[in-house]
Amino acid sequence: MTASITNTDGSATGGVAEDVPAKGTADRVRPGGRRGARGIAGTYLLLTLGAVAFLFPFYYMVVGSLRTTTTGDLSSAVPGGLTGGNYTAVNGAISLGRSLLSSGIMTVGVLLCTLVFGVLAGYALAQLHFRGRGTVFAALLLVQMVPFQLLTLPLYVLVVRDYGLGDNYIGMILPFAINSTAVFLFRQFFLQMPQSLFEAARIDGAGELRILWRIALPMARPAVLTAMLLTFIGPWNEFLWPFLVTKDADKQPLAVSLASFLSNLQGTVANPAGALLAGACVLAVPAVALFLLFQRHFTSTDIDSGVKG
């Protein structure tokens, strides 16, 4: 394509303009072209397949808990003949309300201890300078590598025989009172906060506990919520330790009660598999509800709101 260029004396000279790309070339380089659309479609397809694979066990559990007869094959995942009798049956066998209360007492106790000790220890490791701080942090990382099952026997001897805390809620809570993962989480979060905030508060004469309560903790809401959810899932689903220290059925958490139902009481109901799935649904509901309720808070942070400029 040619174009004329006007000189200073008014005469025109011919010139050659830039070539306009062909239509096919424009389609190939356009970000929203066919290739981009295929990539987006493939991404959504993979995400959909992943979501289906992740959600199918929950779907199978819910549908199986509502069927009158539950088998071990995929036919149990097809809705049909739904009833709520399985929930009534498992409740009559193990008393879901009593088991939920025991699970709640253990979980709330662990949660409170974890948050209190985790915040205090995390703040100390992040903001206080004392001899041996690096050694303490290295020991914290080392503890995370030790499986809890290796400590089960000495903990059982210490808590049950020496302290006499068998069939006691304190005995169930004590081994989980300090969570090294929560301490690490709070330490990393407090390290990310602007040091100018803490220095200004110390210049004004504020003590460390006041700084923690009035400055650090209000901005650590995402870390607190994350620690709450992670801590809740652990003791709520815990089976091994409560099974060892509790022989009284009235104080057994729901996970232990379901195991007892599977071993000793499944013959007392018409549909044992459906009743067991009904109990599993009751056990899963609080954790799923908490995640859906607080998931939007995990990525929110107010760290930068305290610094101007």
C-alpha atoms as a PDB file:
ATOM      1  CA  MET A   1       0.000   0.000   0.000  1.00  0.00           C
ATOM      2  CA  THR A   2       1.459   3.404  -1.063  1.00  0.00           C
ATOM      3  CA  ALA A   3       0.971   6.842   0.410  1.00  0.00           C
ATOM      4  CA  SER A   4       2.121  10.308  -0.674  1.00  0.00           C
ATOM      5  CA  ILE A   5       4.325  12.557   1.478  1.00  0.00           C
ATOM      6  CA  THR A   6       3.987  16.345   1.089  1.00  0.00           C
ATOM      7  CA  ASN A   7       7.282  18.281   0.942  1.00  0.00           C
ATOM      8  CA  THR A   8       7.841  21.802   2.271  1.00  0.00           C
ATOM      9  CA  ASP A   9       7.391  23.315  -1.210  1.00  0.00           C
ATOM     10  CA  GLY A  10       3.989  21.707  -1.633  1.00  0.00           C
ATOM     11  CA  SER A  11       5.112  18.962  -4.004  1.00  0.00           C
ATOM     12  CA  ALA A  12       4.237  15.412  -3.264  1.00  0.00           C
ATOM     13  CA  THR A  13       6.530  12.455  -3.436  1.00  0.00           C
ATOM     14  CA  GLY A  14       5.530   8.845  -3.348  1.00  0.00           C
ATOM     15  CA  GLY A  15       6.253   6.662  -0.397  1.00  0.00           C
ATOM     16  CA  VAL A  16       5.640   3.137   0.675  1.00  0.00           C
ATOM     17  CA  ALA A  17       3.595   2.567   3.808  1.00  0.00           C
ATOM     18  CA  GLU A  18       3.967  -0.392   6.155  1.00  0.00           C
ATOM     19  CA  ASP A  19       2.312  -3.594   5.041  1.00  0.00           C
ATOM     20  CA  VAL A  20      -0.958  -4.423   6.780  1.00  0.00           C
ATOM     21  CA  PRO A  21      -0.811  -7.969   8.200  1.00  0.00           C
ATOM     22  CA  ALA A  22      -3.078 -10.476   6.555  1.00  0.00           C
ATOM     23  CA  LYS A  23      -6.263 -11.492   8.274  1.00  0.00           C
ATOM     24  CA  GLY A  24      -5.042 -14.987   9.013  1.00  0.00           C
ATOM     25  CA  THR A  25      -1.860 -13.644  10.609  1.00  0.00           C
ATOM     26  CA  ALA A  26      -3.848 -11.300  12.847  1.00  0.00           C
ATOM     27  CA  ASP A  27      -5.967 -14.187  14.031  1.00  0.00           C
ATOM     28  CA  ARG A  28      -2.865 -16.178  14.912  1.00  0.00           C
ATOM     29  CA  VAL A  29      -1.252 -13.435  16.987  1.00  0.00           C
ATOM     30  CA  ARG A  30      -4.434 -12.189  18.641  1.00  0.00           C
ATOM     31  CA  PRO A  31      -4.410 -13.325  22.320  1.00  0.00           C
ATOM     32  CA  GLY A  32      -8.062 -14.299  22.192  1.00  0.00           C
ATOM     33  CA  GLY A  33      -7.762 -16.354  19.001  1.00  0.00           C
ATOM     34  CA  ARG A  34      -8.556 -20.000  18.465  1.00  0.00           C
ATOM     35  CA  ARG A  35      -5.392 -21.254  20.121  1.00  0.00           C
ATOM     36  CA  GLY A  36      -6.065 -19.206  23.245  1.00  0.00           C
ATOM     37  CA  ALA A  37      -9.676 -20.390  23.370  1.00  0.00           C
ATOM     38  CA  ARG A  38      -8.587 -24.027  23.117  1.00  0.00           C
ATOM     39  CA  GLY A  39      -6.090 -23.520  25.934  1.00  0.00           C
ATOM     40  CA  ILE A  40      -8.717 -21.968  28.179  1.00  0.00           C
ATOM     41  CA  ALA A  41     -11.165 -24.761  27.377  1.00  0.00           C
ATOM     42  CA  GLY A  42      -8.541 -27.389  28.167  1.00  0.00           C
ATOM     43  CA  THR A  43      -7.727 -25.675  31.471  1.00  0.00           C
ATOM     44  CA  TYR A  44     -11.376 -25.598  32.502  1.00  0.00           C
ATOM     45  CA  LEU A  45     -11.765 -29.243  31.476  1.00  0.00           C
ATOM     46  CA  LEU A  46      -8.840 -30.311  33.674  1.00  0.00           C
ATOM     47  CA  LEU A  47     -10.130 -28.247  36.578  1.00  0.00           C
ATOM     48  CA  THR A  48     -13.587 -29.761  36.170  1.00  0.00           C
ATOM     49  CA  LEU A  49     -12.196 -33.300  36.152  1.00  0.00           C
ATOM     50  CA  GLY A  50     -10.123 -32.531  39.237  1.00  0.00           C
ATOM     51  CA  ALA A  51     -13.149 -31.091  41.033  1.00  0.00           C
ATOM     52  CA  VAL A  52     -15.261 -34.144  40.164  1.00  0.00           C
ATOM     53  CA  ALA A  53     -12.537 -36.514  41.393  1.00  0.00           C
ATOM     54  CA  PHE A  54     -12.200 -34.532  44.629  1.00  0.00           C
ATOM     55  CA  LEU A  55     -15.915 -34.178  45.333  1.00  0.00           C
ATOM     56  CA  PHE A  56     -17.000 -37.699  44.347  1.00  0.00           C
ATOM     57  CA  PRO A  57     -16.092 -39.290  47.739  1.00  0.00           C
ATOM     58  CA  PHE A  58     -18.221 -36.658  49.494  1.00  0.00           C
ATOM     59  CA  TYR A  59     -21.075 -37.269  47.073  1.00  0.00           C
ATOM     60  CA  TYR A  60     -20.788 -41.040  47.597  1.00  0.00           C
ATOM     61  CA  MET A  61     -20.765 -40.561  51.366  1.00  0.00           C
ATOM     62  CA  VAL A  62     -23.854 -38.341  51.400  1.00  0.00           C
ATOM     63  CA  VAL A  63     -25.882 -40.469  48.964  1.00  0.00           C
ATOM     64  CA  GLY A  64     -24.806 -43.699  50.656  1.00  0.00           C
ATOM     65  CA  SER A  65     -25.907 -42.355  54.035  1.00  0.00           C
ATOM     66  CA  LEU A  66     -29.399 -41.712  52.639  1.00  0.00           C
ATOM     67  CA  ARG A  67     -29.968 -45.004  50.815  1.00  0.00           C
ATOM     68  CA  THR A  68     -32.020 -47.802  52.297  1.00  0.00           C
ATOM     69  CA  THR A  69     -29.427 -50.356  51.134  1.00  0.00           C
ATOM     70  CA  THR A  70     -25.759 -49.521  50.627  1.00  0.00           C
ATOM     71  CA  THR A  71     -23.370 -51.771  48.718  1.00  0.00           C
ATOM     72  CA  GLY A  72     -19.662 -51.488  48.091  1.00  0.00           C
ATOM     73  CA  ASP A  73     -19.900 -50.733  44.366  1.00  0.00           C
ATOM     74  CA  LEU A  74     -20.639 -47.559  42.424  1.00  0.00           C
ATOM     75  CA  SER A  75     -24.350 -48.367  42.298  1.00  0.00           C
ATOM     76  CA  SER A  76     -24.592 -46.933  45.791  1.00  0.00           C
ATOM     77  CA  ALA A  77     -23.751 -43.510  44.354  1.00  0.00           C
ATOM     78  CA  VAL A  78     -26.959 -43.477  42.296  1.00  0.00           C
ATOM     79  CA  PRO A  79     -29.759 -41.676  44.170  1.00  0.00           C
ATOM     80  CA  GLY A  80     -32.745 -43.877  44.809  1.00  0.00           C
ATOM     81  CA  GLY A  81     -34.723 -45.069  47.791  1.00  0.00           C
ATOM     82  CA  LEU A  82     -33.436 -42.221  49.947  1.00  0.00           C
ATOM     83  CA  THR A  83     -34.256 -42.134  53.641  1.00  0.00           C
ATOM     84  CA  GLY A  84     -33.004 -40.583  56.844  1.00  0.00           C
ATOM     85  CA  GLY A  85     -33.272 -43.823  58.791  1.00  0.00           C
ATOM     86  CA  ASN A  86     -29.515 -44.403  58.782  1.00  0.00           C
ATOM     87  CA  TYR A  87     -28.956 -41.274  60.869  1.00  0.00           C
ATOM     88  CA  THR A  88     -31.565 -42.416  63.355  1.00  0.00           C
ATOM     89  CA  ALA A  89     -29.987 -45.872  63.506  1.00  0.00           C
ATOM     90  CA  VAL A  90     -26.436 -44.677  64.149  1.00  0.00           C
ATOM     91  CA  ASN A  91     -27.704 -42.169  66.694  1.00  0.00           C
ATOM     92  CA  GLY A  92     -29.472 -44.930  68.589  1.00  0.00           C
ATOM     93  CA  ALA A  93     -26.349 -47.081  68.550  1.00  0.00           C
ATOM     94  CA  ILE A  94     -23.694 -44.590  69.671  1.00  0.00           C
ATOM     95  CA  SER A  95     -25.575 -41.372  70.637  1.00  0.00           C
ATOM     96  CA  LEU A  96     -24.322 -38.799  68.142  1.00  0.00           C
ATOM     97  CA  GLY A  97     -25.083 -35.898  70.482  1.00  0.00           C
ATOM     98  CA  ARG A  98     -22.927 -37.256  73.294  1.00  0.00           C
ATOM     99  CA  SER A  99     -20.081 -38.115  70.917  1.00  0.00           C
ATOM    100  CA  LEU A 100     -20.260 -34.688  69.267  1.00  0.00           C
ATOM    101  CA  LEU A 101     -20.094 -33.043  72.686  1.00  0.00           C
ATOM    102  CA  SER A 102     -16.950 -35.005  73.571  1.00  0.00           C
ATOM    103  CA  SER A 103     -15.383 -34.118  70.223  1.00  0.00           C
ATOM    104  CA  GLY A 104     -16.290 -30.474  70.742  1.00  0.00           C
ATOM    105  CA  ILE A 105     -14.805 -30.313  74.249  1.00  0.00           C
ATOM    106  CA  MET A 106     -11.545 -31.869  73.096  1.00  0.00           C
ATOM    107  CA  THR A 107     -11.330 -29.706  69.981  1.00  0.00           C
ATOM    108  CA  VAL A 108     -12.114 -26.411  71.733  1.00  0.00           C
ATOM    109  CA  GLY A 109      -9.580 -27.178  74.469  1.00  0.00           C
ATOM    110  CA  VAL A 110      -6.863 -27.962  71.938  1.00  0.00           C
ATOM    111  CA  LEU A 111      -7.812 -24.901  69.910  1.00  0.00           C
ATOM    112  CA  LEU A 112      -7.563 -22.506  72.851  1.00  0.00           C
ATOM    113  CA  CYS A 113      -4.227 -23.930  74.017  1.00  0.00           C
ATOM    114  CA  THR A 114      -2.815 -23.872  70.502  1.00  0.00           C
ATOM    115  CA  LEU A 115      -3.766 -20.251  69.883  1.00  0.00           C
ATOM    116  CA  VAL A 116      -2.537 -18.976  73.261  1.00  0.00           C
ATOM    117  CA  PHE A 117       0.798 -20.804  73.273  1.00  0.00           C
ATOM    118  CA  GLY A 118       1.246 -20.446  69.516  1.00  0.00           C
ATOM    119  CA  VAL A 119       0.795 -16.668  69.523  1.00  0.00           C
ATOM    120  CA  LEU A 120       3.060 -16.174  72.551  1.00  0.00           C
ATOM    121  CA  ALA A 121       5.827 -18.459  71.285  1.00  0.00           C
ATOM    122  CA  GLY A 122       5.578 -17.185  67.706  1.00  0.00           C
ATOM    123  CA  TYR A 123       5.832 -13.562  68.819  1.00  0.00           C
ATOM    124  CA  ALA A 124       8.807 -14.328  71.047  1.00  0.00           C
ATOM    125  CA  LEU A 125      10.680 -16.120  68.262  1.00  0.00           C
ATOM    126  CA  ALA A 126       9.919 -13.322  65.787  1.00  0.00           C
ATOM    127  CA  GLN A 127      10.318 -10.099  67.780  1.00  0.00           C
ATOM    128  CA  LEU A 128      12.304 -10.811  70.941  1.00  0.00           C
ATOM    129  CA  HIS A 129      16.087 -11.154  70.866  1.00  0.00           C
ATOM    130  CA  PHE A 130      17.457 -13.616  73.402  1.00  0.00           C
ATOM    131  CA  ARG A 131      20.288 -16.080  73.587  1.00  0.00           C
ATOM    132  CA  GLY A 132      19.440 -19.429  72.033  1.00  0.00           C
ATOM    133  CA  ARG A 133      16.591 -18.171  69.857  1.00  0.00           C
ATOM    134  CA  GLY A 134      18.029 -19.880  66.782  1.00  0.00           C
ATOM    135  CA  THR A 135      18.455 -23.129  68.701  1.00  0.00           C
ATOM    136  CA  VAL A 136      14.852 -23.023  69.876  1.00  0.00           C
ATOM    137  CA  PHE A 137      13.641 -22.442  66.318  1.00  0.00           C
ATOM    138  CA  ALA A 138      15.796 -25.312  65.010  1.00  0.00           C
ATOM    139  CA  ALA A 139      14.337 -27.588  67.705  1.00  0.00           C
ATOM    140  CA  LEU A 140      10.865 -26.471  66.630  1.00  0.00           C
ATOM    141  CA  LEU A 141      11.576 -27.539  63.053  1.00  0.00           C
ATOM    142  CA  LEU A 142      13.026 -30.821  64.284  1.00  0.00           C
ATOM    143  CA  VAL A 143       9.903 -31.606  66.315  1.00  0.00           C
ATOM    144  CA  GLN A 144       7.779 -31.263  63.179  1.00  0.00           C
ATOM    145  CA  MET A 145       9.723 -34.133  61.609  1.00  0.00           C
ATOM    146  CA  VAL A 146       8.936 -36.580  64.451  1.00  0.00           C
ATOM    147  CA  PRO A 147       5.741 -38.610  63.840  1.00  0.00           C
ATOM    148  CA  PHE A 148       3.258 -38.508  66.686  1.00  0.00           C
ATOM    149  CA  GLN A 149       2.999 -42.309  66.633  1.00  0.00           C
ATOM    150  CA  LEU A 150       6.586 -42.574  67.901  1.00  0.00           C
ATOM    151  CA  LEU A 151       5.629 -40.618  71.006  1.00  0.00           C
ATOM    152  CA  THR A 152       2.401 -42.460  71.702  1.00  0.00           C
ATOM    153  CA  LEU A 153       3.812 -45.032  74.136  1.00  0.00           C
ATOM    154  CA  PRO A 154       5.825 -42.637  76.351  1.00  0.00           C
ATOM    155  CA  LEU A 155       2.953 -40.145  76.314  1.00  0.00           C
ATOM    156  CA  TYR A 156       0.519 -42.855  77.355  1.00  0.00           C
ATOM    157  CA  VAL A 157       2.734 -43.891  80.277  1.00  0.00           C
ATOM    158  CA  LEU A 158       3.225 -40.261  81.323  1.00  0.00           C
ATOM    159  CA  VAL A 159      -0.375 -39.089  80.997  1.00  0.00           C
ATOM    160  CA  VAL A 160      -2.318 -42.181  82.048  1.00  0.00           C
ATOM    161  CA  ARG A 161      -0.055 -43.922  84.562  1.00  0.00           C
ATOM    162  CA  ASP A 162       1.929 -41.040  86.088  1.00  0.00           C
ATOM    163  CA  TYR A 163      -0.659 -38.238  85.905  1.00  0.00           C
ATOM    164  CA  GLY A 164      -3.746 -40.438  86.197  1.00  0.00           C
ATOM    165  CA  LEU A 165      -5.591 -38.623  83.394  1.00  0.00           C
ATOM    166  CA  GLY A 166      -7.172 -41.622  81.702  1.00  0.00           C
ATOM    167  CA  ASP A 167     -10.852 -41.157  80.798  1.00  0.00           C
ATOM    168  CA  ASN A 168     -10.318 -37.430  81.283  1.00  0.00           C
ATOM    169  CA  TYR A 169     -10.682 -34.562  78.829  1.00  0.00           C
ATOM    170  CA  ILE A 170      -7.445 -33.004  80.073  1.00  0.00           C
ATOM    171  CA  GLY A 171      -5.642 -36.218  79.214  1.00  0.00           C
ATOM    172  CA  MET A 172      -7.019 -36.059  75.681  1.00  0.00           C
ATOM    173  CA  ILE A 173      -6.066 -32.371  75.260  1.00  0.00           C
ATOM    174  CA  LEU A 174      -2.628 -32.313  76.897  1.00  0.00           C
ATOM    175  CA  PRO A 175      -0.486 -33.898  74.114  1.00  0.00           C
ATOM    176  CA  PHE A 176      -1.915 -31.446  71.545  1.00  0.00           C
ATOM    177  CA  ALA A 177      -1.798 -28.293  73.692  1.00  0.00           C
ATOM    178  CA  ILE A 178       1.259 -26.921  71.854  1.00  0.00           C
ATOM    179  CA  ASN A 179       1.226 -27.178  68.071  1.00  0.00           C
ATOM    180  CA  SER A 180       4.634 -26.592  66.473  1.00  0.00           C
ATOM    181  CA  THR A 181       3.025 -25.860  63.113  1.00  0.00           C
ATOM    182  CA  ALA A 182       0.965 -23.039  64.639  1.00  0.00           C
ATOM    183  CA  VAL A 183       4.063 -21.611  66.345  1.00  0.00           C
ATOM    184  CA  PHE A 184       5.917 -21.635  63.029  1.00  0.00           C
ATOM    185  CA  LEU A 185       2.960 -20.030  61.260  1.00  0.00           C
ATOM    186  CA  PHE A 186       2.697 -17.173  63.763  1.00  0.00           C
ATOM    187  CA  ARG A 187       6.459 -16.619  63.783  1.00  0.00           C
ATOM    188  CA  GLN A 188       6.590 -16.241  60.016  1.00  0.00           C
ATOM    189  CA  PHE A 189       3.613 -13.880  60.045  1.00  0.00           C
ATOM    190  CA  PHE A 190       5.018 -11.663  62.805  1.00  0.00           C
ATOM    191  CA  LEU A 191       8.355 -11.484  60.965  1.00  0.00           C
ATOM    192  CA  GLN A 192       6.585  -9.985  57.927  1.00  0.00           C
ATOM    193  CA  MET A 193       5.135  -7.091  59.904  1.00  0.00           C
ATOM    194  CA  PRO A 194       6.888  -3.698  59.602  1.00  0.00           C
ATOM    195  CA  GLN A 195       9.466  -3.314  62.352  1.00  0.00           C
ATOM    196  CA  SER A 196       8.735   0.410  62.540  1.00  0.00           C
ATOM    197  CA  LEU A 197       5.397  -0.353  64.221  1.00  0.00           C
ATOM    198  CA  PHE A 198       7.042  -2.296  67.041  1.00  0.00           C
ATOM    199  CA  GLU A 199       9.870   0.208  67.428  1.00  0.00           C
ATOM    200  CA  ALA A 200       7.441   3.123  67.682  1.00  0.00           C
ATOM    201  CA  ALA A 201       5.400   1.293  70.310  1.00  0.00           C
ATOM    202  CA  ARG A 202       8.522   0.507  72.360  1.00  0.00           C
ATOM    203  CA  ILE A 203       9.621   4.145  72.173  1.00  0.00           C
ATOM    204  CA  ASP A 204       6.214   5.143  73.549  1.00  0.00           C
ATOM    205  CA  GLY A 205       6.841   2.854  76.512  1.00  0.00           C
ATOM    206  CA  ALA A 206       4.523  -0.049  75.627  1.00  0.00           C
ATOM    207  CA  GLY A 207       5.388  -3.474  77.000  1.00  0.00           C
ATOM    208  CA  GLU A 208       5.716  -6.557  74.835  1.00  0.00           C
ATOM    209  CA  LEU A 209       2.398  -8.066  75.904  1.00  0.00           C
ATOM    210  CA  ARG A 210       0.613  -4.785  75.151  1.00  0.00           C
ATOM    211  CA  ILE A 211       2.324  -4.564  71.758  1.00  0.00           C
ATOM    212  CA  LEU A 212       1.253  -8.133  71.021  1.00  0.00           C
ATOM    213  CA  TRP A 213      -2.352  -7.514  72.069  1.00  0.00           C
ATOM    214  CA  ARG A 214      -2.869  -4.029  70.599  1.00  0.00           C
ATOM    215  CA  ILE A 215      -0.687  -4.075  67.459  1.00  0.00           C
ATOM    216  CA  ALA A 216       0.450  -7.521  66.325  1.00  0.00           C
ATOM    217  CA  LEU A 217      -2.604  -9.644  67.046  1.00  0.00           C
ATOM    218  CA  PRO A 218      -5.220  -7.415  65.299  1.00  0.00           C
ATOM    219  CA  MET A 219      -3.168  -7.547  62.091  1.00  0.00           C
ATOM    220  CA  ALA A 220      -2.612 -11.303  62.374  1.00  0.00           C
ATOM    221  CA  ARG A 221      -6.238 -12.227  61.683  1.00  0.00           C
ATOM    222  CA  PRO A 222      -5.431 -14.325  58.557  1.00  0.00           C
ATOM    223  CA  ALA A 223      -2.821 -16.295  60.518  1.00  0.00           C
ATOM    224  CA  VAL A 224      -5.226 -16.783  63.438  1.00  0.00           C
ATOM    225  CA  LEU A 225      -8.011 -18.045  61.169  1.00  0.00           C
ATOM    226  CA  THR A 226      -5.642 -20.372  59.311  1.00  0.00           C
ATOM    227  CA  ALA A 227      -4.278 -21.773  62.578  1.00  0.00           C
ATOM    228  CA  MET A 228      -7.828 -22.236  63.853  1.00  0.00           C
ATOM    229  CA  LEU A 229      -8.885 -24.263  60.832  1.00  0.00           C
ATOM    230  CA  LEU A 230      -5.727 -26.396  60.756  1.00  0.00           C
ATOM    231  CA  THR A 231      -5.942 -26.994  64.500  1.00  0.00           C
ATOM    232  CA  PHE A 232      -9.643 -27.804  64.365  1.00  0.00           C
ATOM    233  CA  ILE A 233      -9.245 -30.520  61.744  1.00  0.00           C
ATOM    234  CA  GLY A 234      -6.551 -32.358  63.729  1.00  0.00           C
ATOM    235  CA  PRO A 235      -8.262 -33.002  67.102  1.00  0.00           C
ATOM    236  CA  TRP A 236     -11.729 -33.208  65.543  1.00  0.00           C
ATOM    237  CA  ASN A 237     -10.668 -36.185  63.403  1.00  0.00           C
ATOM    238  CA  GLU A 238      -8.158 -37.605  65.916  1.00  0.00           C
ATOM    239  CA  PHE A 239      -8.671 -41.305  66.592  1.00  0.00           C
ATOM    240  CA  LEU A 240      -5.537 -42.981  67.948  1.00  0.00           C
ATOM    241  CA  TRP A 241      -4.877 -40.977  71.122  1.00  0.00           C
ATOM    242  CA  PRO A 242      -8.508 -40.700  72.348  1.00  0.00           C
ATOM    243  CA  PHE A 243      -8.929 -44.400  71.616  1.00  0.00           C
ATOM    244  CA  LEU A 244      -5.982 -45.214  73.911  1.00  0.00           C
ATOM    245  CA  VAL A 245      -6.837 -42.952  76.848  1.00  0.00           C
ATOM    246  CA  THR A 246     -10.656 -43.242  76.922  1.00  0.00           C
ATOM    247  CA  LYS A 247     -12.462 -46.443  77.818  1.00  0.00           C
ATOM    248  CA  ASP A 248     -15.635 -44.707  78.973  1.00  0.00           C
ATOM    249  CA  ALA A 249     -18.061 -44.603  76.023  1.00  0.00           C
ATOM    250  CA  ASP A 250     -19.625 -41.399  77.347  1.00  0.00           C
ATOM    251  CA  LYS A 251     -16.346 -39.498  76.845  1.00  0.00           C
ATOM    252  CA  GLN A 252     -15.241 -40.955  73.540  1.00  0.00           C
ATOM    253  CA  PRO A 253     -15.133 -38.517  70.583  1.00  0.00           C
ATOM    254  CA  LEU A 254     -17.174 -39.236  67.487  1.00  0.00           C
ATOM    255  CA  ALA A 255     -14.283 -40.752  65.517  1.00  0.00           C
ATOM    256  CA  VAL A 256     -13.685 -43.308  68.290  1.00  0.00           C
ATOM    257  CA  SER A 257     -17.400 -43.983  68.663  1.00  0.00           C
ATOM    258  CA  LEU A 258     -17.703 -44.720  64.937  1.00  0.00           C
ATOM    259  CA  ALA A 259     -14.811 -47.180  65.165  1.00  0.00           C
ATOM    260  CA  SER A 260     -16.514 -48.846  68.121  1.00  0.00           C
ATOM    261  CA  PHE A 261     -19.746 -49.016  66.143  1.00  0.00           C
ATOM    262  CA  LEU A 262     -17.932 -50.637  63.227  1.00  0.00           C
ATOM    263  CA  SER A 263     -16.335 -53.255  65.502  1.00  0.00           C
ATOM    264  CA  ASN A 264     -19.087 -54.097  67.940  1.00  0.00           C
ATOM    265  CA  LEU A 265     -22.451 -52.556  67.097  1.00  0.00           C
ATOM    266  CA  GLN A 266     -22.943 -52.779  63.340  1.00  0.00           C
ATOM    267  CA  GLY A 267     -25.072 -55.886  63.755  1.00  0.00           C
ATOM    268  CA  THR A 268     -27.674 -53.865  65.655  1.00  0.00           C
ATOM    269  CA  VAL A 269     -28.792 -51.848  62.594  1.00  0.00           C
ATOM    270  CA  ALA A 270     -30.406 -52.913  59.326  1.00  0.00           C
ATOM    271  CA  ASN A 271     -27.943 -51.078  57.062  1.00  0.00           C
ATOM    272  CA  PRO A 272     -24.519 -50.963  58.782  1.00  0.00           C
ATOM    273  CA  ALA A 273     -22.701 -49.354  55.843  1.00  0.00           C
ATOM    274  CA  GLY A 274     -25.330 -46.642  55.498  1.00  0.00           C
ATOM    275  CA  ALA A 275     -25.286 -45.950  59.240  1.00  0.00           C
ATOM    276  CA  LEU A 276     -21.502 -45.686  59.204  1.00  0.00           C
ATOM    277  CA  LEU A 277     -21.616 -43.259  56.271  1.00  0.00           C
ATOM    278  CA  ALA A 278     -24.242 -41.241  58.124  1.00  0.00           C
ATOM    279  CA  GLY A 279     -21.895 -40.924  61.099  1.00  0.00           C
ATOM    280  CA  ALA A 280     -19.064 -39.941  58.754  1.00  0.00           C
ATOM    281  CA  CYS A 281     -21.258 -37.191  57.293  1.00  0.00           C
ATOM    282  CA  VAL A 282     -21.949 -35.828  60.759  1.00  0.00           C
ATOM    283  CA  LEU A 283     -18.213 -35.899  61.491  1.00  0.00           C
ATOM    284  CA  ALA A 284     -17.338 -34.067  58.256  1.00  0.00           C
ATOM    285  CA  VAL A 285     -19.975 -31.322  58.376  1.00  0.00           C
ATOM    286  CA  PRO A 286     -18.287 -29.004  60.943  1.00  0.00           C
ATOM    287  CA  ALA A 287     -14.911 -29.024  59.180  1.00  0.00           C
ATOM    288  CA  VAL A 288     -16.438 -28.336  55.762  1.00  0.00           C
ATOM    289  CA  ALA A 289     -18.677 -25.605  57.180  1.00  0.00           C
ATOM    290  CA  LEU A 290     -15.753 -23.838  58.870  1.00  0.00           C
ATOM    291  CA  PHE A 291     -13.683 -23.940  55.690  1.00  0.00           C
ATOM    292  CA  LEU A 292     -16.494 -22.512  53.575  1.00  0.00           C
ATOM    293  CA  LEU A 293     -17.181 -19.851  56.198  1.00  0.00           C
ATOM    294  CA  PHE A 294     -13.624 -18.585  56.634  1.00  0.00           C
ATOM    295  CA  GLN A 295     -11.916 -19.292  53.311  1.00  0.00           C
ATOM    296  CA  ARG A 296     -12.262 -15.694  52.078  1.00  0.00           C
ATOM    297  CA  HIS A 297     -10.315 -14.444  55.110  1.00  0.00           C
ATOM    298  CA  PHE A 298      -7.202 -16.544  54.489  1.00  0.00           C
ATOM    299  CA  THR A 299      -5.710 -14.241  51.854  1.00  0.00           C
ATOM    300  CA  SER A 300      -6.785 -10.952  53.419  1.00  0.00           C
ATOM    301  CA  THR A 301      -4.226  -9.009  55.410  1.00  0.00           C
ATOM    302  CA  ASP A 302      -4.018  -5.614  57.071  1.00  0.00           C
ATOM    303  CA  ILE A 303      -0.240  -5.468  57.448  1.00  0.00           C
ATOM    304  CA  ASP A 304       0.237  -2.508  55.101  1.00  0.00           C
ATOM    305  CA  SER A 305      -2.563  -0.498  56.659  1.00  0.00           C
ATOM    306  CA  GLY A 306      -0.370   0.543  59.586  1.00  0.00           C
ATOM    307  CA  VAL A 307       2.382   2.060  57.420  1.00  0.00           C
ATOM    308  CA  LYS A 308       2.010   5.276  55.500  1.00  0.00           C
ATOM    309  CA  GLY A 309       4.062   6.504  52.591  1.00  0.00           C
END
